[in-house]
Amino acid sequence: AFTWLDRAFDDGASGVLYLRVRRDWDSLRSDPRFAALI
């Protein structure tokens, strides 16, 4: 999931703008990599 989120960020995917609010990412929020991506 983080590999593909990093790719989304690098691609400029608009979905990255919703990291804080999309429930899709609830299972990743406790991971330090999520805070780094934010």
ModelCIF file with pLDDT and N, C-alpha, C, O atoms, coordinates in Angstrom:
data_MODEL
#
_entry.id   MODEL 
#
_entity.id                         1 
_entity.type                       polymer 
_entity.pdbx_number_of_molecules   1 
#
_entity_poly.entity_id                      1 
_entity_poly.type                           'polypeptide(L)' 
_entity_poly.nstd_linkage                   no 
_entity_poly.nstd_monomer                   no 
_entity_poly.pdbx_seq_one_letter_code       AFTWLDRAFDDGASGVLYLRVRRDWDSLRSDPRFAALI 
_entity_poly.pdbx_seq_one_letter_code_can   AFTWLDRAFDDGASGVLYLRVRRDWDSLRSDPRFAALI 
_entity_poly.pdbx_strand_id                 A 
#
loop_
_entity_poly_seq.entity_id 
_entity_poly_seq.num 
_entity_poly_seq.mon_id 
_entity_poly_seq.hetero 
1 1  ALA n 
1 2  PHE n 
1 3  THR n 
1 4  TRP n 
1 5  LEU n 
1 6  ASP n 
1 7  ARG n 
1 8  ALA n 
1 9  PHE n 
1 10 ASP n 
1 11 ASP n 
1 12 GLY n 
1 13 ALA n 
1 14 SER n 
1 15 GLY n 
1 16 VAL n 
1 17 LEU n 
1 18 TYR n 
1 19 LEU n 
1 20 ARG n 
1 21 VAL n 
1 22 ARG n 
1 23 ARG n 
1 24 ASP n 
1 25 TRP n 
1 26 ASP n 
1 27 SER n 
1 28 LEU n 
1 29 ARG n 
1 30 SER n 
1 31 ASP n 
1 32 PRO n 
1 33 ARG n 
1 34 PHE n 
1 35 ALA n 
1 36 ALA n 
1 37 LEU n 
1 38 ILE n 
#
_struct_asym.id          A 
_struct_asym.entity_id   1 
#
loop_
_ma_qa_metric.id 
_ma_qa_metric.mode 
_ma_qa_metric.name 
_ma_qa_metric.software_group_id 
_ma_qa_metric.type 
1 global pLDDT . pLDDT 
2 local  pLDDT . pLDDT 
#
_ma_qa_metric_global.metric_id      1 
_ma_qa_metric_global.metric_value   93.66 
_ma_qa_metric_global.model_id       1 
_ma_qa_metric_global.ordinal_id     1 
#
loop_
_ma_qa_metric_local.label_asym_id 
_ma_qa_metric_local.label_comp_id 
_ma_qa_metric_local.label_seq_id 
_ma_qa_metric_local.metric_id 
_ma_qa_metric_local.metric_value 
_ma_qa_metric_local.model_id 
_ma_qa_metric_local.ordinal_id 
A ALA 1  2 97.00 1 1  
A PHE 2  2 97.00 1 2  
A THR 3  2 97.00 1 3  
A TRP 4  2 96.00 1 4  
A LEU 5  2 96.00 1 5  
A ASP 6  2 95.00 1 6  
A ARG 7  2 94.00 1 7  
A ALA 8  2 95.00 1 8  
A PHE 9  2 93.00 1 9  
A ASP 10 2 92.00 1 10 
A ASP 11 2 91.00 1 11 
A GLY 12 2 89.00 1 12 
A ALA 13 2 89.00 1 13 
A SER 14 2 88.00 1 14 
A GLY 15 2 87.00 1 15 
A VAL 16 2 88.00 1 16 
A LEU 17 2 89.00 1 17 
A TYR 18 2 92.00 1 18 
A LEU 19 2 93.00 1 19 
A ARG 20 2 92.00 1 20 
A VAL 21 2 94.00 1 21 
A ARG 22 2 92.00 1 22 
A ARG 23 2 93.00 1 23 
A ASP 24 2 91.00 1 24 
A TRP 25 2 95.00 1 25 
A ASP 26 2 95.00 1 26 
A SER 27 2 95.00 1 27 
A LEU 28 2 97.00 1 28 
A ARG 29 2 96.00 1 29 
A SER 30 2 96.00 1 30 
A ASP 31 2 97.00 1 31 
A PRO 32 2 97.00 1 32 
A ARG 33 2 97.00 1 33 
A PHE 34 2 97.00 1 34 
A ALA 35 2 96.00 1 35 
A ALA 36 2 95.00 1 36 
A LEU 37 2 93.00 1 37 
A ILE 38 2 93.00 1 38 
#
loop_
_atom_site.group_PDB 
_atom_site.id 
_atom_site.type_symbol 
_atom_site.label_atom_id 
_atom_site.label_alt_id 
_atom_site.label_comp_id 
_atom_site.label_asym_id 
_atom_site.label_entity_id 
_atom_site.label_seq_id 
_atom_site.pdbx_PDB_ins_code 
_atom_site.Cartn_x 
_atom_site.Cartn_y 
_atom_site.Cartn_z 
_atom_site.occupancy 
_atom_site.B_iso_or_equiv 
_atom_site.pdbx_formal_charge 
_atom_site.auth_seq_id 
_atom_site.auth_comp_id 
_atom_site.auth_asym_id 
_atom_site.auth_atom_id 
_atom_site.pdbx_PDB_model_num 
ATOM 1   N N  . ALA A 1 1  ? 0.836   -1.202 0.000   1.00 97.00 ? 1  ALA A N  1 
ATOM 2   C CA . ALA A 1 1  ? 0.000   0.000  0.000   1.00 97.00 ? 1  ALA A CA 1 
ATOM 3   C C  . ALA A 1 1  ? 0.870   1.251  0.000   1.00 97.00 ? 1  ALA A C  1 
ATOM 4   O O  . ALA A 1 1  ? 0.597   2.195  -0.742  1.00 97.00 ? 1  ALA A O  1 
ATOM 5   N N  . PHE A 1 2  ? 1.906   1.268  0.818   1.00 97.00 ? 2  PHE A N  1 
ATOM 6   C CA . PHE A 1 2  ? 2.779   2.443  0.875   1.00 97.00 ? 2  PHE A CA 1 
ATOM 7   C C  . PHE A 1 2  ? 3.604   2.593  -0.400  1.00 97.00 ? 2  PHE A C  1 
ATOM 8   O O  . PHE A 1 2  ? 3.867   3.714  -0.835  1.00 97.00 ? 2  PHE A O  1 
ATOM 9   N N  . THR A 1 3  ? 4.008   1.501  -0.993  1.00 97.00 ? 3  THR A N  1 
ATOM 10  C CA . THR A 1 3  ? 4.726   1.578  -2.261  1.00 97.00 ? 3  THR A CA 1 
ATOM 11  C C  . THR A 1 3  ? 3.867   2.282  -3.306  1.00 97.00 ? 3  THR A C  1 
ATOM 12  O O  . THR A 1 3  ? 4.345   3.150  -4.037  1.00 97.00 ? 3  THR A O  1 
ATOM 13  N N  . TRP A 1 4  ? 2.599   1.898  -3.364  1.00 96.00 ? 4  TRP A N  1 
ATOM 14  C CA . TRP A 1 4  ? 1.701   2.497  -4.347  1.00 96.00 ? 4  TRP A CA 1 
ATOM 15  C C  . TRP A 1 4  ? 1.279   3.902  -3.954  1.00 96.00 ? 4  TRP A C  1 
ATOM 16  O O  . TRP A 1 4  ? 1.038   4.727  -4.836  1.00 96.00 ? 4  TRP A O  1 
ATOM 17  N N  . LEU A 1 5  ? 1.181   4.206  -2.668  1.00 96.00 ? 5  LEU A N  1 
ATOM 18  C CA . LEU A 1 5  ? 0.894   5.583  -2.261  1.00 96.00 ? 5  LEU A CA 1 
ATOM 19  C C  . LEU A 1 5  ? 2.052   6.502  -2.636  1.00 96.00 ? 5  LEU A C  1 
ATOM 20  O O  . LEU A 1 5  ? 1.837   7.628  -3.085  1.00 96.00 ? 5  LEU A O  1 
ATOM 21  N N  . ASP A 1 6  ? 3.266   6.026  -2.452  1.00 95.00 ? 6  ASP A N  1 
ATOM 22  C CA . ASP A 1 6  ? 4.428   6.810  -2.873  1.00 95.00 ? 6  ASP A CA 1 
ATOM 23  C C  . ASP A 1 6  ? 4.388   7.068  -4.376  1.00 95.00 ? 6  ASP A C  1 
ATOM 24  O O  . ASP A 1 6  ? 4.685   8.171  -4.833  1.00 95.00 ? 6  ASP A O  1 
ATOM 25  N N  . ARG A 1 7  ? 4.022   6.053  -5.130  1.00 94.00 ? 7  ARG A N  1 
ATOM 26  C CA . ARG A 1 7  ? 3.915   6.216  -6.575  1.00 94.00 ? 7  ARG A CA 1 
ATOM 27  C C  . ARG A 1 7  ? 2.823   7.229  -6.917  1.00 94.00 ? 7  ARG A C  1 
ATOM 28  O O  . ARG A 1 7  ? 2.996   8.053  -7.815  1.00 94.00 ? 7  ARG A O  1 
ATOM 29  N N  . ALA A 1 8  ? 1.700   7.167  -6.201  1.00 95.00 ? 8  ALA A N  1 
ATOM 30  C CA . ALA A 1 8  ? 0.610   8.126  -6.428  1.00 95.00 ? 8  ALA A CA 1 
ATOM 31  C C  . ALA A 1 8  ? 1.106   9.547  -6.180  1.00 95.00 ? 8  ALA A C  1 
ATOM 32  O O  . ALA A 1 8  ? 0.794   10.461 -6.943  1.00 95.00 ? 8  ALA A O  1 
ATOM 33  N N  . PHE A 1 9  ? 1.873   9.726  -5.119  1.00 93.00 ? 9  PHE A N  1 
ATOM 34  C CA . PHE A 1 9  ? 2.430   11.042 -4.826  1.00 93.00 ? 9  PHE A CA 1 
ATOM 35  C C  . PHE A 1 9  ? 3.356   11.489 -5.963  1.00 93.00 ? 9  PHE A C  1 
ATOM 36  O O  . PHE A 1 9  ? 3.265   12.622 -6.436  1.00 93.00 ? 9  PHE A O  1 
ATOM 37  N N  . ASP A 1 10 ? 4.238   10.599 -6.392  1.00 92.00 ? 10 ASP A N  1 
ATOM 38  C CA . ASP A 1 10 ? 5.180   10.923 -7.469  1.00 92.00 ? 10 ASP A CA 1 
ATOM 39  C C  . ASP A 1 10 ? 4.469   11.226 -8.784  1.00 92.00 ? 10 ASP A C  1 
ATOM 40  O O  . ASP A 1 10 ? 4.931   12.055 -9.568  1.00 92.00 ? 10 ASP A O  1 
ATOM 41  N N  . ASP A 1 11 ? 3.331   10.547 -9.025  1.00 91.00 ? 11 ASP A N  1 
ATOM 42  C CA . ASP A 1 11 ? 2.551   10.767 -10.246 1.00 91.00 ? 11 ASP A CA 1 
ATOM 43  C C  . ASP A 1 11 ? 1.686   12.024 -10.181 1.00 91.00 ? 11 ASP A C  1 
ATOM 44  O O  . ASP A 1 11 ? 1.119   12.446 -11.188 1.00 91.00 ? 11 ASP A O  1 
ATOM 45  N N  . GLY A 1 12 ? 1.586   12.616 -8.995  1.00 89.00 ? 12 GLY A N  1 
ATOM 46  C CA . GLY A 1 12 ? 0.731   13.787 -8.832  1.00 89.00 ? 12 GLY A CA 1 
ATOM 47  C C  . GLY A 1 12 ? -0.748  13.427 -8.816  1.00 89.00 ? 12 GLY A C  1 
ATOM 48  O O  . GLY A 1 12 ? -1.594  14.241 -9.185  1.00 89.00 ? 12 GLY A O  1 
ATOM 49  N N  . ALA A 1 13 ? -1.060  12.210 -8.389  1.00 89.00 ? 13 ALA A N  1 
ATOM 50  C CA . ALA A 1 13 ? -2.457  11.763 -8.342  1.00 89.00 ? 13 ALA A CA 1 
ATOM 51  C C  . ALA A 1 13 ? -3.265  12.628 -7.378  1.00 89.00 ? 13 ALA A C  1 
ATOM 52  O O  . ALA A 1 13 ? -2.824  12.913 -6.265  1.00 89.00 ? 13 ALA A O  1 
ATOM 53  N N  . SER A 1 14 ? -4.428  13.032 -7.809  1.00 88.00 ? 14 SER A N  1 
ATOM 54  C CA . SER A 1 14 ? -5.268  13.901 -6.985  1.00 88.00 ? 14 SER A CA 1 
ATOM 55  C C  . SER A 1 14 ? -5.722  13.219 -5.697  1.00 88.00 ? 14 SER A C  1 
ATOM 56  O O  . SER A 1 14 ? -6.034  13.899 -4.720  1.00 88.00 ? 14 SER A O  1 
ATOM 57  N N  . GLY A 1 15 ? -5.764  11.893 -5.681  1.00 87.00 ? 15 GLY A N  1 
ATOM 58  C CA . GLY A 1 15 ? -6.181  11.170 -4.481  1.00 87.00 ? 15 GLY A CA 1 
ATOM 59  C C  . GLY A 1 15 ? -5.303  11.430 -3.282  1.00 87.00 ? 15 GLY A C  1 
ATOM 60  O O  . GLY A 1 15 ? -5.740  11.252 -2.145  1.00 87.00 ? 15 GLY A O  1 
ATOM 61  N N  . VAL A 1 16 ? -4.072  11.846 -3.513  1.00 88.00 ? 16 VAL A N  1 
ATOM 62  C CA . VAL A 1 16 ? -3.148  12.142 -2.415  1.00 88.00 ? 16 VAL A CA 1 
ATOM 63  C C  . VAL A 1 16 ? -3.666  13.322 -1.577  1.00 88.00 ? 16 VAL A C  1 
ATOM 64  O O  . VAL A 1 16 ? -3.375  13.419 -0.385  1.00 88.00 ? 16 VAL A O  1 
ATOM 65  N N  . LEU A 1 17 ? -4.421  14.198 -2.200  1.00 89.00 ? 17 LEU A N  1 
ATOM 66  C CA . LEU A 1 17 ? -4.967  15.348 -1.481  1.00 89.00 ? 17 LEU A CA 1 
ATOM 67  C C  . LEU A 1 17 ? -5.958  14.949 -0.397  1.00 89.00 ? 17 LEU A C  1 
ATOM 68  O O  . LEU A 1 17 ? -6.257  15.740 0.498   1.00 89.00 ? 17 LEU A O  1 
ATOM 69  N N  . TYR A 1 18 ? -6.465  13.728 -0.475  1.00 92.00 ? 18 TYR A N  1 
ATOM 70  C CA . TYR A 1 18 ? -7.499  13.265 0.442   1.00 92.00 ? 18 TYR A CA 1 
ATOM 71  C C  . TYR A 1 18 ? -6.984  12.248 1.462   1.00 92.00 ? 18 TYR A C  1 
ATOM 72  O O  . TYR A 1 18 ? -7.771  11.529 2.077   1.00 92.00 ? 18 TYR A O  1 
ATOM 73  N N  . LEU A 1 19 ? -5.674  12.190 1.637   1.00 93.00 ? 19 LEU A N  1 
ATOM 74  C CA . LEU A 1 19 ? -5.101  11.226 2.577   1.00 93.00 ? 19 LEU A CA 1 
ATOM 75  C C  . LEU A 1 19 ? -5.679  11.376 3.981   1.00 93.00 ? 19 LEU A C  1 
ATOM 76  O O  . LEU A 1 19 ? -5.931  10.382 4.661   1.00 93.00 ? 19 LEU A O  1 
ATOM 77  N N  . ARG A 1 20 ? -5.883  12.589 4.403   1.00 92.00 ? 20 ARG A N  1 
ATOM 78  C CA . ARG A 1 20 ? -6.371  12.823 5.775   1.00 92.00 ? 20 ARG A CA 1 
ATOM 79  C C  . ARG A 1 20 ? -7.822  12.423 5.976   1.00 92.00 ? 20 ARG A C  1 
ATOM 80  O O  . ARG A 1 20 ? -8.224  12.135 7.103   1.00 92.00 ? 20 ARG A O  1 
ATOM 81  N N  . VAL A 1 21 ? -8.613  12.397 4.923   1.00 94.00 ? 21 VAL A N  1 
ATOM 82  C CA . VAL A 1 21 ? -10.058 12.211 5.112   1.00 94.00 ? 21 VAL A CA 1 
ATOM 83  C C  . VAL A 1 21 ? -10.631 10.904 4.562   1.00 94.00 ? 21 VAL A C  1 
ATOM 84  O O  . VAL A 1 21 ? -11.689 10.461 5.010   1.00 94.00 ? 21 VAL A O  1 
ATOM 85  N N  . ARG A 1 22 ? -9.953  10.290 3.608   1.00 92.00 ? 22 ARG A N  1 
ATOM 86  C CA . ARG A 1 22 ? -10.501 9.046  3.050   1.00 92.00 ? 22 ARG A CA 1 
ATOM 87  C C  . ARG A 1 22 ? -10.367 7.899  4.036   1.00 92.00 ? 22 ARG A C  1 
ATOM 88  O O  . ARG A 1 22 ? -9.302  7.677  4.614   1.00 92.00 ? 22 ARG A O  1 
ATOM 89  N N  . ARG A 1 23 ? -11.451 7.183  4.216   1.00 93.00 ? 23 ARG A N  1 
ATOM 90  C CA . ARG A 1 23 ? -11.464 6.060  5.160   1.00 93.00 ? 23 ARG A CA 1 
ATOM 91  C C  . ARG A 1 23 ? -10.617 4.895  4.671   1.00 93.00 ? 23 ARG A C  1 
ATOM 92  O O  . ARG A 1 23 ? -10.266 4.014  5.456   1.00 93.00 ? 23 ARG A O  1 
ATOM 93  N N  . ASP A 1 24 ? -10.287 4.878  3.392   1.00 91.00 ? 24 ASP A N  1 
ATOM 94  C CA . ASP A 1 24 ? -9.448  3.818  2.827   1.00 91.00 ? 24 ASP A CA 1 
ATOM 95  C C  . ASP A 1 24 ? -8.133  3.681  3.590   1.00 91.00 ? 24 ASP A C  1 
ATOM 96  O O  . ASP A 1 24 ? -7.548  2.600  3.658   1.00 91.00 ? 24 ASP A O  1 
ATOM 97  N N  . TRP A 1 25 ? -7.689  4.775  4.150   1.00 95.00 ? 25 TRP A N  1 
ATOM 98  C CA . TRP A 1 25 ? -6.366  4.805  4.785   1.00 95.00 ? 25 TRP A CA 1 
ATOM 99  C C  . TRP A 1 25 ? -6.410  4.615  6.294   1.00 95.00 ? 25 TRP A C  1 
ATOM 100 O O  . TRP A 1 25 ? -5.373  4.710  6.951   1.00 95.00 ? 25 TRP A O  1 
ATOM 101 N N  . ASP A 1 26 ? -7.566  4.353  6.853   1.00 95.00 ? 26 ASP A N  1 
ATOM 102 C CA . ASP A 1 26 ? -7.676  4.183  8.309   1.00 95.00 ? 26 ASP A CA 1 
ATOM 103 C C  . ASP A 1 26 ? -6.725  3.120  8.846   1.00 95.00 ? 26 ASP A C  1 
ATOM 104 O O  . ASP A 1 26 ? -6.169  3.286  9.931   1.00 95.00 ? 26 ASP A O  1 
ATOM 105 N N  . SER A 1 27 ? -6.531  2.045  8.116   1.00 95.00 ? 27 SER A N  1 
ATOM 106 C CA . SER A 1 27 ? -5.671  0.962  8.601   1.00 95.00 ? 27 SER A CA 1 
ATOM 107 C C  . SER A 1 27 ? -4.184  1.331  8.535   1.00 95.00 ? 27 SER A C  1 
ATOM 108 O O  . SER A 1 27 ? -3.344  0.628  9.097   1.00 95.00 ? 27 SER A O  1 
ATOM 109 N N  . LEU A 1 28 ? -3.867  2.426  7.853   1.00 97.00 ? 28 LEU A N  1 
ATOM 110 C CA . LEU A 1 28 ? -2.468  2.838  7.706   1.00 97.00 ? 28 LEU A CA 1 
ATOM 111 C C  . LEU A 1 28 ? -2.084  4.015  8.600   1.00 97.00 ? 28 LEU A C  1 
ATOM 112 O O  . LEU A 1 28 ? -0.900  4.313  8.754   1.00 97.00 ? 28 LEU A O  1 
ATOM 113 N N  . ARG A 1 29 ? -3.062  4.677  9.183   1.00 96.00 ? 29 ARG A N  1 
ATOM 114 C CA . ARG A 1 29 ? -2.804  5.923  9.917   1.00 96.00 ? 29 ARG A CA 1 
ATOM 115 C C  . ARG A 1 29 ? -1.821  5.767  11.071  1.00 96.00 ? 29 ARG A C  1 
ATOM 116 O O  . ARG A 1 29 ? -1.090  6.710  11.377  1.00 96.00 ? 29 ARG A O  1 
ATOM 117 N N  . SER A 1 30 ? -1.781  4.625  11.710  1.00 96.00 ? 30 SER A N  1 
ATOM 118 C CA . SER A 1 30 ? -0.888  4.440  12.862  1.00 96.00 ? 30 SER A CA 1 
ATOM 119 C C  . SER A 1 30 ? 0.561   4.178  12.444  1.00 96.00 ? 30 SER A C  1 
ATOM 120 O O  . SER A 1 30 ? 1.460   4.191  13.284  1.00 96.00 ? 30 SER A O  1 
ATOM 121 N N  . ASP A 1 31 ? 0.784   3.945  11.171  1.00 97.00 ? 31 ASP A N  1 
ATOM 122 C CA . ASP A 1 31 ? 2.126   3.665  10.654  1.00 97.00 ? 31 ASP A CA 1 
ATOM 123 C C  . ASP A 1 31 ? 2.879   4.987  10.474  1.00 97.00 ? 31 ASP A C  1 
ATOM 124 O O  . ASP A 1 31 ? 2.333   5.925  9.892   1.00 97.00 ? 31 ASP A O  1 
ATOM 125 N N  . PRO A 1 32 ? 4.115   5.078  10.959  1.00 97.00 ? 32 PRO A N  1 
ATOM 126 C CA . PRO A 1 32 ? 4.894   6.320  10.805  1.00 97.00 ? 32 PRO A CA 1 
ATOM 127 C C  . PRO A 1 32 ? 5.060   6.739  9.340   1.00 97.00 ? 32 PRO A C  1 
ATOM 128 O O  . PRO A 1 32 ? 5.230   7.925  9.059   1.00 97.00 ? 32 PRO A O  1 
ATOM 129 N N  . ARG A 1 33 ? 5.014   5.802  8.421   1.00 97.00 ? 33 ARG A N  1 
ATOM 130 C CA . ARG A 1 33 ? 5.127   6.147  7.003   1.00 97.00 ? 33 ARG A CA 1 
ATOM 131 C C  . ARG A 1 33 ? 3.946   6.988  6.539   1.00 97.00 ? 33 ARG A C  1 
ATOM 132 O O  . ARG A 1 33 ? 4.077   7.785  5.610   1.00 97.00 ? 33 ARG A O  1 
ATOM 133 N N  . PHE A 1 34 ? 2.788   6.814  7.186   1.00 97.00 ? 34 PHE A N  1 
ATOM 134 C CA . PHE A 1 34 ? 1.618   7.599  6.811   1.00 97.00 ? 34 PHE A CA 1 
ATOM 135 C C  . PHE A 1 34 ? 1.829   9.059  7.182   1.00 97.00 ? 34 PHE A C  1 
ATOM 136 O O  . PHE A 1 34 ? 1.553   9.952  6.381   1.00 97.00 ? 34 PHE A O  1 
ATOM 137 N N  . ALA A 1 35 ? 2.320   9.304  8.398   1.00 96.00 ? 35 ALA A N  1 
ATOM 138 C CA . ALA A 1 35 ? 2.594   10.676 8.827   1.00 96.00 ? 35 ALA A CA 1 
ATOM 139 C C  . ALA A 1 35 ? 3.650   11.310 7.926   1.00 96.00 ? 35 ALA A C  1 
ATOM 140 O O  . ALA A 1 35 ? 3.555   12.491 7.595   1.00 96.00 ? 35 ALA A O  1 
ATOM 141 N N  . ALA A 1 36 ? 4.653   10.530 7.528   1.00 95.00 ? 36 ALA A N  1 
ATOM 142 C CA . ALA A 1 36 ? 5.686   11.045 6.639   1.00 95.00 ? 36 ALA A CA 1 
ATOM 143 C C  . ALA A 1 36 ? 5.096   11.426 5.280   1.00 95.00 ? 36 ALA A C  1 
ATOM 144 O O  . ALA A 1 36 ? 5.495   12.429 4.688   1.00 95.00 ? 36 ALA A O  1 
ATOM 145 N N  . LEU A 1 37 ? 4.158   10.637 4.795   1.00 93.00 ? 37 LEU A N  1 
ATOM 146 C CA . LEU A 1 37 ? 3.527   10.926 3.515   1.00 93.00 ? 37 LEU A CA 1 
ATOM 147 C C  . LEU A 1 37 ? 2.668   12.196 3.614   1.00 93.00 ? 37 LEU A C  1 
ATOM 148 O O  . LEU A 1 37 ? 2.634   13.003 2.686   1.00 93.00 ? 37 LEU A O  1 
ATOM 149 N N  . ILE A 1 38 ? 1.989   12.360 4.726   1.00 93.00 ? 38 ILE A N  1 
ATOM 150 C CA . ILE A 1 38 ? 1.189   13.578 4.955   1.00 93.00 ? 38 ILE A CA 1 
ATOM 151 C C  . ILE A 1 38 ? 2.112   14.799 4.903   1.00 93.00 ? 38 ILE A C  1 
ATOM 152 O O  . ILE A 1 38 ? 1.652   15.929 5.070   1.00 93.00 ? 38 ILE A O  1 
#
